[in-house]
N, C-alpha and C. Protein backbone atom coordinates (compact mmCIF):
# COMPACT_ATOMS: atom_id res chain seq x y z
N UNK A 1 -3.08 36.44 -5.26
CA UNK A 1 -1.88 35.70 -5.53
C UNK A 1 -2.09 34.25 -5.25
N UNK A 2 -3.06 33.90 -4.64
CA UNK A 2 -3.24 32.37 -4.24
C UNK A 2 -4.25 31.72 -5.27
N UNK A 3 -4.00 30.58 -5.46
CA UNK A 3 -4.90 29.78 -6.41
C UNK A 3 -6.24 29.48 -5.63
N UNK A 4 -7.32 29.49 -6.39
CA UNK A 4 -8.64 29.19 -5.72
C UNK A 4 -8.77 27.68 -5.36
N UNK A 5 -8.19 26.77 -6.07
CA UNK A 5 -8.37 25.28 -5.84
C UNK A 5 -7.21 24.69 -5.04
N UNK A 6 -6.28 25.35 -4.73
CA UNK A 6 -5.10 24.81 -3.92
C UNK A 6 -5.01 25.41 -2.56
N UNK A 7 -4.65 24.62 -1.60
CA UNK A 7 -4.35 25.30 -0.33
C UNK A 7 -3.03 24.75 0.09
N UNK A 8 -2.05 25.80 0.23
CA UNK A 8 -0.71 25.51 0.53
C UNK A 8 -0.33 26.08 1.89
N UNK A 9 0.18 25.27 2.83
CA UNK A 9 0.62 25.65 4.10
C UNK A 9 1.99 25.41 4.29
N UNK A 10 2.79 26.42 4.72
CA UNK A 10 4.06 26.29 4.98
C UNK A 10 4.58 26.85 6.31
N UNK A 11 5.41 25.93 7.09
CA UNK A 11 5.93 26.35 8.36
C UNK A 11 7.45 26.54 8.23
N UNK A 12 7.91 27.66 8.39
CA UNK A 12 9.40 28.00 8.19
C UNK A 12 10.15 27.31 9.35
N UNK A 13 9.58 26.98 10.49
CA UNK A 13 10.29 26.38 11.54
C UNK A 13 10.38 24.95 11.39
N UNK A 14 9.40 24.24 10.84
CA UNK A 14 9.45 22.78 10.77
C UNK A 14 9.79 22.42 9.19
N UNK A 15 10.03 23.35 8.34
CA UNK A 15 10.28 23.06 6.96
C UNK A 15 9.29 22.18 6.37
N UNK A 16 8.03 22.26 6.76
CA UNK A 16 6.89 21.28 6.26
C UNK A 16 6.14 22.12 5.18
N UNK A 17 5.91 21.51 4.22
CA UNK A 17 5.01 22.09 3.01
C UNK A 17 3.80 21.12 2.94
N UNK A 18 2.66 21.56 3.11
CA UNK A 18 1.56 20.78 3.02
C UNK A 18 0.66 21.26 1.81
N UNK A 19 0.65 20.43 0.65
CA UNK A 19 -0.18 20.81 -0.46
C UNK A 19 -1.54 20.09 -0.46
N UNK A 20 -2.63 20.71 -0.48
CA UNK A 20 -3.93 20.14 -0.50
C UNK A 20 -4.67 20.60 -1.68
N UNK A 21 -4.68 19.57 -2.73
CA UNK A 21 -5.49 19.87 -3.94
C UNK A 21 -5.94 18.63 -4.43
N UNK A 22 -7.09 18.70 -5.02
CA UNK A 22 -7.81 17.49 -5.46
C UNK A 22 -6.99 16.98 -6.84
N UNK A 23 -6.48 17.89 -7.52
CA UNK A 23 -5.88 17.43 -8.82
C UNK A 23 -4.37 17.12 -8.71
N UNK A 24 -3.85 17.29 -7.50
CA UNK A 24 -2.36 17.17 -7.33
C UNK A 24 -1.91 15.76 -7.23
N UNK A 25 -2.75 14.88 -6.81
CA UNK A 25 -2.35 13.46 -6.83
C UNK A 25 -3.03 12.61 -7.93
N UNK A 26 -2.24 11.73 -8.49
CA UNK A 26 -2.78 10.87 -9.47
C UNK A 26 -3.53 9.84 -8.76
N UNK A 27 -4.43 9.22 -9.63
CA UNK A 27 -5.30 8.15 -9.07
C UNK A 27 -4.51 6.92 -8.38
N UNK A 28 -3.34 6.69 -9.00
CA UNK A 28 -2.56 5.68 -8.45
C UNK A 28 -1.92 5.94 -7.02
N UNK A 29 -1.59 7.15 -6.84
CA UNK A 29 -1.07 7.57 -5.46
C UNK A 29 -2.25 7.57 -4.56
N UNK A 30 -3.35 8.00 -4.93
CA UNK A 30 -4.71 7.95 -3.97
C UNK A 30 -4.95 6.53 -3.67
N UNK A 31 -4.94 5.66 -4.72
CA UNK A 31 -5.14 4.13 -4.53
C UNK A 31 -4.09 3.65 -3.48
N UNK A 32 -2.92 4.02 -3.68
CA UNK A 32 -1.90 3.59 -2.68
C UNK A 32 -2.15 4.06 -1.40
N UNK A 33 -2.35 5.26 -1.25
CA UNK A 33 -2.62 5.92 0.15
C UNK A 33 -3.83 5.23 0.80
N UNK A 34 -4.83 4.91 0.05
CA UNK A 34 -6.05 4.39 0.68
C UNK A 34 -5.74 2.80 1.05
N UNK A 35 -5.09 2.06 0.29
CA UNK A 35 -4.95 0.65 0.50
C UNK A 35 -3.71 0.24 1.31
N UNK A 36 -2.66 1.10 1.29
CA UNK A 36 -1.40 0.71 1.83
C UNK A 36 -0.97 1.48 3.12
N UNK A 37 -1.78 2.28 3.61
CA UNK A 37 -1.53 2.94 4.83
C UNK A 37 -2.60 2.73 5.83
N UNK A 38 -2.33 2.93 7.15
CA UNK A 38 -3.38 2.89 8.08
C UNK A 38 -3.68 1.42 8.49
N UNK A 39 -4.83 1.23 9.22
CA UNK A 39 -5.20 -0.07 9.49
C UNK A 39 -5.49 -1.14 8.32
N UNK A 40 -6.18 -0.52 7.35
CA UNK A 40 -6.49 -1.23 6.13
C UNK A 40 -5.31 -1.77 5.44
N UNK A 41 -4.19 -1.02 5.45
CA UNK A 41 -2.93 -1.43 4.86
C UNK A 41 -2.34 -2.66 5.74
N UNK A 42 -2.43 -2.49 6.98
CA UNK A 42 -1.91 -3.58 7.92
C UNK A 42 -2.65 -4.91 7.48
N UNK A 43 -4.07 -4.77 7.49
CA UNK A 43 -4.81 -6.04 7.26
C UNK A 43 -4.44 -6.60 5.93
N UNK A 44 -4.23 -5.78 4.83
CA UNK A 44 -3.89 -6.31 3.55
C UNK A 44 -2.56 -6.91 3.57
N UNK A 45 -1.55 -6.31 4.29
CA UNK A 45 -0.26 -6.96 4.35
C UNK A 45 -0.31 -8.29 5.02
N UNK A 46 -1.12 -8.39 6.13
CA UNK A 46 -1.21 -9.67 6.87
C UNK A 46 -1.99 -10.75 5.85
N UNK A 47 -2.99 -10.27 5.18
CA UNK A 47 -3.60 -11.30 4.29
C UNK A 47 -2.69 -11.58 3.27
N UNK A 48 -1.96 -10.83 2.71
CA UNK A 48 -0.98 -11.21 1.75
C UNK A 48 0.13 -12.08 2.13
N UNK A 49 0.61 -11.89 3.39
CA UNK A 49 1.57 -12.80 3.99
C UNK A 49 0.96 -14.19 4.28
N UNK A 50 -0.17 -14.15 4.63
CA UNK A 50 -0.83 -15.59 5.00
C UNK A 50 -1.11 -16.20 3.70
N UNK A 51 -1.46 -15.55 2.62
CA UNK A 51 -1.70 -16.15 1.23
C UNK A 51 -0.38 -16.65 0.72
N UNK A 52 0.78 -15.94 0.81
CA UNK A 52 1.96 -16.37 0.42
C UNK A 52 2.55 -17.68 1.21
N UNK A 53 2.18 -17.57 2.43
CA UNK A 53 2.58 -18.75 3.24
C UNK A 53 1.76 -19.97 2.88
N UNK A 54 0.50 -19.84 2.70
CA UNK A 54 -0.29 -20.96 2.26
C UNK A 54 0.12 -21.54 0.90
N UNK A 55 0.42 -20.63 0.04
CA UNK A 55 0.73 -21.01 -1.46
C UNK A 55 2.08 -21.70 -1.36
N UNK A 56 3.05 -21.38 -0.50
CA UNK A 56 4.41 -22.00 -0.44
C UNK A 56 4.09 -23.34 0.21
N UNK A 57 3.21 -23.53 1.23
CA UNK A 57 2.86 -24.75 1.72
C UNK A 57 2.40 -25.81 0.76
N UNK A 58 1.26 -25.28 -0.05
CA UNK A 58 0.64 -26.09 -1.08
C UNK A 58 1.67 -26.52 -2.03
N UNK A 59 2.57 -25.62 -2.53
CA UNK A 59 3.61 -25.98 -3.56
C UNK A 59 4.58 -27.00 -2.91
N UNK A 60 4.86 -26.98 -1.78
CA UNK A 60 5.88 -27.91 -1.17
C UNK A 60 5.11 -29.21 -0.91
N UNK A 61 3.83 -29.22 -0.59
CA UNK A 61 3.03 -30.53 -0.53
C UNK A 61 2.94 -31.20 -1.88
N UNK A 62 2.50 -30.46 -2.84
CA UNK A 62 2.50 -31.00 -4.20
C UNK A 62 3.74 -31.54 -4.77
N UNK A 63 4.79 -30.75 -4.65
CA UNK A 63 6.16 -31.11 -5.01
C UNK A 63 6.74 -32.45 -4.31
N UNK A 64 6.50 -32.52 -3.00
CA UNK A 64 6.73 -33.67 -2.18
C UNK A 64 5.94 -35.01 -2.55
N UNK A 65 4.75 -34.66 -2.97
CA UNK A 65 3.95 -35.74 -3.40
C UNK A 65 4.45 -36.40 -4.63
N UNK A 66 4.78 -35.56 -5.59
CA UNK A 66 5.31 -36.13 -6.91
C UNK A 66 6.72 -36.58 -6.82
N UNK A 67 7.49 -36.00 -5.80
CA UNK A 67 8.91 -36.55 -5.67
C UNK A 67 8.82 -37.86 -4.91
N UNK A 68 8.18 -38.01 -3.79
CA UNK A 68 8.34 -39.09 -2.90
C UNK A 68 7.16 -40.04 -3.03
N UNK A 69 6.02 -39.66 -3.56
CA UNK A 69 4.87 -40.50 -3.62
C UNK A 69 4.66 -41.34 -4.76
N UNK A 70 5.34 -41.07 -5.86
CA UNK A 70 5.17 -41.96 -7.04
C UNK A 70 6.09 -42.97 -7.14
């Protein structure tokens, strides 16, 4: 009755269903799980925040130069 390539675990007390199958997740979901969760996800978010902060600073500097410097 069970499929050979899928492993399904169900706990009726916790209402948790765990589906473990190689084909059940799309490549985009696997990419998201690898890059956006865990320690790597934290580092990527910090790097993105720093990059956004620096880009806003540079944009403000250039804008101020053209508004007040000329």
